[in-house]
PDB file of all heavy atoms in Angstrom:
ATOM      1  N   LEU A   1      89.655 105.614  88.826  1.00  0.00           N
ATOM      2  CA  LEU A   1      90.627 104.531  88.681  1.00  0.00           C
ATOM      3  C   LEU A   1      91.186 104.110  90.031  1.00  0.00           C
ATOM      4  O   LEU A   1      91.252 102.920  90.346  1.00  0.00           O
ATOM      5  CB  LEU A   1      91.754 104.961  87.748  1.00  0.00           C
ATOM      6  CG  LEU A   1      92.869 103.943  87.535  1.00  0.00           C
ATOM      7  CD1 LEU A   1      92.327 102.700  86.838  1.00  0.00           C
ATOM      8  CD2 LEU A   1      93.990 104.555  86.725  1.00  0.00           C
ATOM      9  N   VAL A   2      91.566 105.074  90.861  1.00  0.00           N
ATOM     10  CA  VAL A   2      92.123 104.757  92.187  1.00  0.00           C
ATOM     11  C   VAL A   2      91.085 104.060  93.055  1.00  0.00           C
ATOM     12  O   VAL A   2      91.385 103.082  93.743  1.00  0.00           O
ATOM     13  CB  VAL A   2      92.672 106.027  92.875  1.00  0.00           C
ATOM     14  CG1 VAL A   2      93.035 105.761  94.328  1.00  0.00           C
ATOM     15  CG2 VAL A   2      93.885 106.560  92.114  1.00  0.00           C
ATOM     16  N   MET A   3      89.837 104.522  93.008  1.00  0.00           N
ATOM     17  CA  MET A   3      88.787 103.881  93.810  1.00  0.00           C
ATOM     18  C   MET A   3      88.561 102.432  93.374  1.00  0.00           C
ATOM     19  O   MET A   3      88.366 101.546  94.205  1.00  0.00           O
ATOM     20  CB  MET A   3      87.479 104.664  93.693  1.00  0.00           C
ATOM     21  CG  MET A   3      87.494 105.988  94.414  1.00  0.00           C
ATOM     22  SD  MET A   3      86.001 106.946  94.138  1.00  0.00           S
ATOM     23  CE  MET A   3      84.792 105.932  94.969  1.00  0.00           C
ATOM     24  N   ASN A   4      88.575 102.180  92.076  1.00  0.00           N
ATOM     25  CA  ASN A   4      88.262 100.842  91.568  1.00  0.00           C
ATOM     26  C   ASN A   4      89.410  99.848  91.661  1.00  0.00           C
ATOM     27  O   ASN A   4      89.168  98.665  91.862  1.00  0.00           O
ATOM     28  CB  ASN A   4      87.779 100.934  90.120  1.00  0.00           C
ATOM     29  CG  ASN A   4      86.361 101.427  90.045  1.00  0.00           C
ATOM     30  OD1 ASN A   4      85.462 100.810  90.589  1.00  0.00           O
ATOM     31  ND2 ASN A   4      86.150 102.545  89.395  1.00  0.00           N
ATOM     32  N   LEU A   5      90.645 100.313  91.494  1.00  0.00           N
ATOM     33  CA  LEU A   5      91.769  99.387  91.463  1.00  0.00           C
ATOM     34  C   LEU A   5      92.823  99.638  92.522  1.00  0.00           C
ATOM     35  O   LEU A   5      93.619  98.759  92.822  1.00  0.00           O
ATOM     36  CB  LEU A   5      92.447  99.439  90.087  1.00  0.00           C
ATOM     37  CG  LEU A   5      91.627  98.839  88.955  1.00  0.00           C
ATOM     38  CD1 LEU A   5      92.253  99.167  87.609  1.00  0.00           C
ATOM     39  CD2 LEU A   5      91.490  97.341  89.147  1.00  0.00           C
ATOM     40  N   GLY A   6      92.868 100.833  93.081  1.00  0.00           N
ATOM     41  CA  GLY A   6      93.913 101.181  94.035  1.00  0.00           C
ATOM     42  C   GLY A   6      94.911 102.133  93.401  1.00  0.00           C
ATOM     43  O   GLY A   6      94.848 102.416  92.210  1.00  0.00           O
ATOM     44  N   PRO A   7      95.846 102.627  94.203  1.00  0.00           N
ATOM     45  CA  PRO A   7      96.757 103.673  93.722  1.00  0.00           C
ATOM     46  C   PRO A   7      97.758 103.218  92.665  1.00  0.00           C
ATOM     47  O   PRO A   7      98.198 104.009  91.843  1.00  0.00           O
ATOM     48  CB  PRO A   7      97.480 104.137  94.980  1.00  0.00           C
ATOM     49  CG  PRO A   7      97.308 103.023  95.961  1.00  0.00           C
ATOM     50  CD  PRO A   7      96.032 102.320  95.605  1.00  0.00           C
ATOM     51  N   LYS A   8      98.150 101.962  92.669  1.00  0.00           N
ATOM     52  CA  LYS A   8      99.127 101.447  91.685  1.00  0.00           C
ATOM     53  C   LYS A   8      98.677 100.077  91.190  1.00  0.00           C
ATOM     54  O   LYS A   8      99.209  99.054  91.635  1.00  0.00           O
ATOM     55  CB  LYS A   8     100.517 101.351  92.304  1.00  0.00           C
ATOM     56  CG  LYS A   8     101.182 102.668  92.555  1.00  0.00           C
ATOM     57  CD  LYS A   8     102.601 102.429  93.028  1.00  0.00           C
ATOM     58  CE  LYS A   8     103.362 103.741  93.033  1.00  0.00           C
ATOM     59  NZ  LYS A   8     104.774 103.517  93.327  1.00  0.00           N
ATOM     60  N   PRO A   9      97.722 100.029  90.270  1.00  0.00           N
ATOM     61  CA  PRO A   9      97.220  98.727  89.842  1.00  0.00           C
ATOM     62  C   PRO A   9      98.246  97.892  89.068  1.00  0.00           C
ATOM     63  O   PRO A   9      98.291  96.686  89.213  1.00  0.00           O
ATOM     64  CB  PRO A   9      96.019  99.057  88.971  1.00  0.00           C
ATOM     65  CG  PRO A   9      96.173 100.484  88.596  1.00  0.00           C
ATOM     66  CD  PRO A   9      96.994 101.128  89.656  1.00  0.00           C
ATOM     67  N   PHE A  10      99.081  98.536  88.265  1.00  0.00           N
ATOM     68  CA  PHE A  10     100.106  97.812  87.513  1.00  0.00           C
ATOM     69  C   PHE A  10     101.466  98.128  88.110  1.00  0.00           C
ATOM     70  O   PHE A  10     101.804  99.289  88.319  1.00  0.00           O
ATOM     71  CB  PHE A  10     100.073  98.197  86.031  1.00  0.00           C
ATOM     72  CG  PHE A  10      98.852  97.696  85.330  1.00  0.00           C
ATOM     73  CD1 PHE A  10      97.747  98.511  85.163  1.00  0.00           C
ATOM     74  CD2 PHE A  10      98.800  96.402  84.837  1.00  0.00           C
ATOM     75  CE1 PHE A  10      96.609  98.052  84.518  1.00  0.00           C
ATOM     76  CE2 PHE A  10      97.669  95.927  84.194  1.00  0.00           C
ATOM     77  CZ  PHE A  10      96.572  96.760  84.029  1.00  0.00           C
ATOM     78  N   ARG A  11     102.235  97.076  88.372  1.00  0.00           N
ATOM     79  CA  ARG A  11     103.559  97.250  88.972  1.00  0.00           C
ATOM     80  C   ARG A  11     104.559  96.328  88.290  1.00  0.00           C
ATOM     81  O   ARG A  11     104.180  95.292  87.749  1.00  0.00           O
ATOM     82  CB  ARG A  11     103.514  96.914  90.463  1.00  0.00           C
ATOM     83  CG  ARG A  11     102.547  97.788  91.232  1.00  0.00           C
ATOM     84  CD  ARG A  11     102.437  97.394  92.675  1.00  0.00           C
ATOM     85  NE  ARG A  11     101.312  98.109  93.274  1.00  0.00           N
ATOM     86  CZ  ARG A  11     100.807  97.834  94.446  1.00  0.00           C
ATOM     87  NH1 ARG A  11     101.314  96.863  95.185  1.00  0.00           N
ATOM     88  NH2 ARG A  11      99.790  98.523  94.925  1.00  0.00           N
ATOM     89  N   LEU A  12     105.823  96.731  88.361  1.00  0.00           N
ATOM     90  CA  LEU A  12     106.916  95.893  87.873  1.00  0.00           C
ATOM     91  C   LEU A  12     107.753  95.448  89.056  1.00  0.00           C
ATOM     92  O   LEU A  12     108.094  96.256  89.916  1.00  0.00           O
ATOM     93  CB  LEU A  12     107.807  96.666  86.896  1.00  0.00           C
ATOM     94  CG  LEU A  12     107.289  96.837  85.479  1.00  0.00           C
ATOM     95  CD1 LEU A  12     108.254  97.696  84.669  1.00  0.00           C
ATOM     96  CD2 LEU A  12     107.081  95.501  84.798  1.00  0.00           C
ATOM     97  N   SER A  13     108.093  94.166  89.084  1.00  0.00           N
ATOM     98  CA  SER A  13     108.958  93.651  90.143  1.00  0.00           C
ATOM     99  C   SER A  13     110.401  94.017  89.832  1.00  0.00           C
ATOM    100  O   SER A  13     110.709  94.548  88.765  1.00  0.00           O
ATOM    101  CB  SER A  13     108.809  92.130  90.237  1.00  0.00           C
ATOM    102  OG  SER A  13     109.380  91.528  89.093  1.00  0.00           O
ATOM    103  N   ALA A  14     111.301  93.703  90.749  1.00  0.00           N
ATOM    104  CA  ALA A  14     112.726  93.965  90.543  1.00  0.00           C
ATOM    105  C   ALA A  14     113.250  93.214  89.325  1.00  0.00           C
ATOM    106  O   ALA A  14     114.194  93.662  88.669  1.00  0.00           O
ATOM    107  CB  ALA A  14     113.521  93.562  91.780  1.00  0.00           C
ATOM    108  N   SER A  15     112.596  92.099  88.971  1.00  0.00           N
ATOM    109  CA  SER A  15     113.008  91.325  87.792  1.00  0.00           C
ATOM    110  C   SER A  15     112.181  91.693  86.553  1.00  0.00           C
ATOM    111  O   SER A  15     112.127  90.926  85.594  1.00  0.00           O
ATOM    112  CB  SER A  15     112.902  89.831  88.078  1.00  0.00           C
ATOM    113  OG  SER A  15     111.558  89.499  88.396  1.00  0.00           O
ATOM    114  N   ASP A  16     111.527  92.851  86.607  1.00  0.00           N
ATOM    115  CA  ASP A  16     110.720  93.375  85.479  1.00  0.00           C
ATOM    116  C   ASP A  16     109.523  92.495  85.123  1.00  0.00           C
ATOM    117  O   ASP A  16     109.105  92.446  83.976  1.00  0.00           O
ATOM    118  CB  ASP A  16     111.582  93.609  84.234  1.00  0.00           C
ATOM    119  CG  ASP A  16     112.442  94.855  84.366  1.00  0.00           C
ATOM    120  OD1 ASP A  16     112.110  95.724  85.192  1.00  0.00           O
ATOM    121  OD2 ASP A  16     113.449  94.952  83.641  1.00  0.00           O
ATOM    122  N   GLU A  17     108.959  91.809  86.102  1.00  0.00           N
ATOM    123  CA  GLU A  17     107.737  91.045  85.858  1.00  0.00           C
ATOM    124  C   GLU A  17     106.542  91.925  86.215  1.00  0.00           C
ATOM    125  O   GLU A  17     106.478  92.504  87.295  1.00  0.00           O
ATOM    126  CB  GLU A  17     107.704  89.771  86.698  1.00  0.00           C
ATOM    127  CG  GLU A  17     106.463  88.935  86.414  1.00  0.00           C
ATOM    128  CD  GLU A  17     106.419  87.638  87.187  1.00  0.00           C
ATOM    129  OE1 GLU A  17     107.101  86.689  86.753  1.00  0.00           O
ATOM    130  OE2 GLU A  17     105.713  87.580  88.213  1.00  0.00           O
ATOM    131  N   LEU A  18     105.591  92.002  85.292  1.00  0.00           N
ATOM    132  CA  LEU A  18     104.386  92.799  85.487  1.00  0.00           C
ATOM    133  C   LEU A  18     103.424  92.104  86.439  1.00  0.00           C
ATOM    134  O   LEU A  18     103.287  90.874  86.408  1.00  0.00           O
ATOM    135  CB  LEU A  18     103.687  93.027  84.144  1.00  0.00           C
ATOM    136  CG  LEU A  18     102.421  93.877  84.176  1.00  0.00           C
ATOM    137  CD1 LEU A  18     102.770  95.331  84.476  1.00  0.00           C
ATOM    138  CD2 LEU A  18     101.681  93.770  82.848  1.00  0.00           C
ATOM    139  N   SER A  19     102.763  92.890  87.291  1.00  0.00           N
ATOM    140  CA  SER A  19     101.686  92.354  88.113  1.00  0.00           C
ATOM    141  C   SER A  19     100.527  93.336  88.106  1.00  0.00           C
ATOM    142  O   SER A  19     100.711  94.529  87.889  1.00  0.00           O
ATOM    143  CB  SER A  19     102.143  92.086  89.553  1.00  0.00           C
ATOM    144  OG  SER A  19     102.435  93.293  90.211  1.00  0.00           O
ATOM    145  N   VAL A  20      99.327  92.806  88.318  1.00  0.00           N
ATOM    146  CA  VAL A  20      98.117  93.610  88.488  1.00  0.00           C
ATOM    147  C   VAL A  20      97.669  93.397  89.920  1.00  0.00           C
ATOM    148  O   VAL A  20      97.504  92.267  90.366  1.00  0.00           O
ATOM    149  CB  VAL A  20      96.988  93.192  87.515  1.00  0.00           C
ATOM    150  CG1 VAL A  20      95.791  94.106  87.678  1.00  0.00           C
ATOM    151  CG2 VAL A  20      97.471  93.195  86.077  1.00  0.00           C
ATOM    152  N   ASN A  21      97.469  94.508  90.643  1.00  0.00           N
ATOM    153  CA  ASN A  21      97.109  94.463  92.061  1.00  0.00           C
ATOM    154  C   ASN A  21      95.722  95.055  92.249  1.00  0.00           C
ATOM    155  O   ASN A  21      95.478  96.195  91.856  1.00  0.00           O
ATOM    156  CB  ASN A  21      98.126  95.261  92.878  1.00  0.00           C
ATOM    157  CG  ASN A  21      99.527  94.722  92.698  1.00  0.00           C
ATOM    158  OD1 ASN A  21      99.983  93.911  93.474  1.00  0.00           O
ATOM    159  ND2 ASN A  21     100.210  95.155  91.658  1.00  0.00           N
ATOM    160  N   PHE A  22      94.825  94.299  92.836  1.00  0.00           N
ATOM    161  CA  PHE A  22      93.470  94.768  93.090  1.00  0.00           C
ATOM    162  C   PHE A  22      93.373  95.240  94.533  1.00  0.00           C
ATOM    163  O   PHE A  22      93.375  94.435  95.462  1.00  0.00           O
ATOM    164  CB  PHE A  22      92.459  93.649  92.805  1.00  0.00           C
ATOM    165  CG  PHE A  22      92.347  93.325  91.344  1.00  0.00           C
ATOM    166  CD1 PHE A  22      93.210  92.416  90.758  1.00  0.00           C
ATOM    167  CD2 PHE A  22      91.395  93.950  90.554  1.00  0.00           C
ATOM    168  CE1 PHE A  22      93.122  92.114  89.404  1.00  0.00           C
ATOM    169  CE2 PHE A  22      91.299  93.661  89.207  1.00  0.00           C
ATOM    170  CZ  PHE A  22      92.168  92.749  88.626  1.00  0.00           C
ATOM    171  N   GLU A  23      93.330  96.546  94.722  1.00  0.00           N
ATOM    172  CA  GLU A  23      93.240  97.162  96.048  1.00  0.00           C
ATOM    173  C   GLU A  23      92.171  98.256  96.022  1.00  0.00           C
ATOM    174  O   GLU A  23      92.475  99.441  96.156  1.00  0.00           O
ATOM    175  CB  GLU A  23      94.593  97.763  96.432  1.00  0.00           C
ATOM    176  CG  GLU A  23      95.717  96.754  96.504  1.00  0.00           C
ATOM    177  CD  GLU A  23      97.086  97.396  96.685  1.00  0.00           C
ATOM    178  OE1 GLU A  23      97.268  98.573  96.288  1.00  0.00           O
ATOM    179  OE2 GLU A  23      97.960  96.728  97.229  1.00  0.00           O
ATOM    180  N   PRO A  24      90.897  97.878  95.843  1.00  0.00           N
ATOM    181  CA  PRO A  24      89.854  98.895  95.713  1.00  0.00           C
ATOM    182  C   PRO A  24      89.699  99.724  96.992  1.00  0.00           C
ATOM    183  O   PRO A  24      90.003  99.268  98.086  1.00  0.00           O
ATOM    184  CB  PRO A  24      88.592  98.077  95.445  1.00  0.00           C
ATOM    185  CG  PRO A  24      88.871  96.760  96.095  1.00  0.00           C
ATOM    186  CD  PRO A  24      90.352  96.530  95.890  1.00  0.00           C
ATOM    187  N   ILE A  25      89.226 100.936  96.795  1.00  0.00           N
ATOM    188  CA  ILE A  25      88.954 101.844  97.909  1.00  0.00           C
ATOM    189  C   ILE A  25      87.494 102.283  97.756  1.00  0.00           C
ATOM    190  O   ILE A  25      87.205 103.369  97.256  1.00  0.00           O
ATOM    191  CB  ILE A  25      89.918 103.052  97.888  1.00  0.00           C
ATOM    192  CG1 ILE A  25      91.363 102.572  97.868  1.00  0.00           C
ATOM    193  CG2 ILE A  25      89.663 103.970  99.085  1.00  0.00           C
ATOM    194  CD1 ILE A  25      92.377 103.669  97.576  1.00  0.00           C
ATOM    195  N   LEU A  26      86.580 101.391  98.136  1.00  0.00           N
ATOM    196  CA  LEU A  26      85.153 101.592  97.894  1.00  0.00           C
ATOM    197  C   LEU A  26      84.368 101.579  99.198  1.00  0.00           C
ATOM    198  O   LEU A  26      84.576 100.698 100.039  1.00  0.00           O
ATOM    199  CB  LEU A  26      84.616 100.479  96.986  1.00  0.00           C
ATOM    200  CG  LEU A  26      85.271 100.339  95.613  1.00  0.00           C
ATOM    201  CD1 LEU A  26      84.855  99.038  94.950  1.00  0.00           C
ATOM    202  CD2 LEU A  26      84.928 101.536  94.747  1.00  0.00           C
ATOM    203  N   PRO A  27      83.435 102.520  99.355  1.00  0.00           N
ATOM    204  CA  PRO A  27      82.576 102.492 100.542  1.00  0.00           C
ATOM    205  C   PRO A  27      81.526 101.388 100.416  1.00  0.00           C
ATOM    206  O   PRO A  27      81.155 100.982  99.313  1.00  0.00           O
ATOM    207  CB  PRO A  27      81.925 103.877 100.544  1.00  0.00           C
ATOM    208  CG  PRO A  27      81.948 104.308  99.120  1.00  0.00           C
ATOM    209  CD  PRO A  27      83.169 103.681  98.504  1.00  0.00           C
ATOM    210  N   SER A  28      81.032 100.927 101.536  1.00  0.00           N
ATOM    211  CA  SER A  28      80.085  99.811 101.550  1.00  0.00           C
ATOM    212  C   SER A  28      78.811 100.112 100.763  1.00  0.00           C
ATOM    213  O   SER A  28      78.234  99.203 100.159  1.00  0.00           O
ATOM    214  CB  SER A  28      79.726  99.450 102.987  1.00  0.00           C
ATOM    215  OG  SER A  28      79.117 100.560 103.632  1.00  0.00           O
ATOM    216  N   TYR A  29      78.404 101.373 100.711  1.00  0.00           N
ATOM    217  CA  TYR A  29      77.143 101.692 100.025  1.00  0.00           C
ATOM    218  C   TYR A  29      77.258 101.645  98.504  1.00  0.00           C
ATOM    219  O   TYR A  29      76.255 101.768  97.806  1.00  0.00           O
ATOM    220  CB  TYR A  29      76.579 103.044 100.495  1.00  0.00           C
ATOM    221  CG  TYR A  29      77.479 104.227 100.263  1.00  0.00           C
ATOM    222  CD1 TYR A  29      77.516 104.878  99.042  1.00  0.00           C
ATOM    223  CD2 TYR A  29      78.287 104.709 101.290  1.00  0.00           C
ATOM    224  CE1 TYR A  29      78.340 105.972  98.834  1.00  0.00           C
ATOM    225  CE2 TYR A  29      79.113 105.802 101.098  1.00  0.00           C
ATOM    226  CZ  TYR A  29      79.129 106.426  99.871  1.00  0.00           C
ATOM    227  OH  TYR A  29      79.948 107.521  99.666  1.00  0.00           O
ATOM    228  N   PHE A  30      78.443 101.430  97.955  1.00  0.00           N
ATOM    229  CA  PHE A  30      78.603 101.249  96.507  1.00  0.00           C
ATOM    230  C   PHE A  30      78.142  99.864  96.056  1.00  0.00           C
ATOM    231  O   PHE A  30      77.886  99.651  94.879  1.00  0.00           O
ATOM    232  CB  PHE A  30      80.059 101.433  96.091  1.00  0.00           C
ATOM    233  CG  PHE A  30      80.450 102.850  95.790  1.00  0.00           C
ATOM    234  CD1 PHE A  30      79.826 103.925  96.390  1.00  0.00           C
ATOM    235  CD2 PHE A  30      81.476 103.112  94.901  1.00  0.00           C
ATOM    236  CE1 PHE A  30      80.208 105.225  96.122  1.00  0.00           C
ATOM    237  CE2 PHE A  30      81.869 104.400  94.610  1.00  0.00           C
ATOM    238  CZ  PHE A  30      81.230 105.470  95.225  1.00  0.00           C
TER     239      PHE A  30
END
């Protein structure tokens, strides 16, 4: 999960708005 989406894919803002963050951690050979 962390490799594909990043450490915190779903987050809540200070105003409780949901966001999805795409921060993959993938090596080039994948």
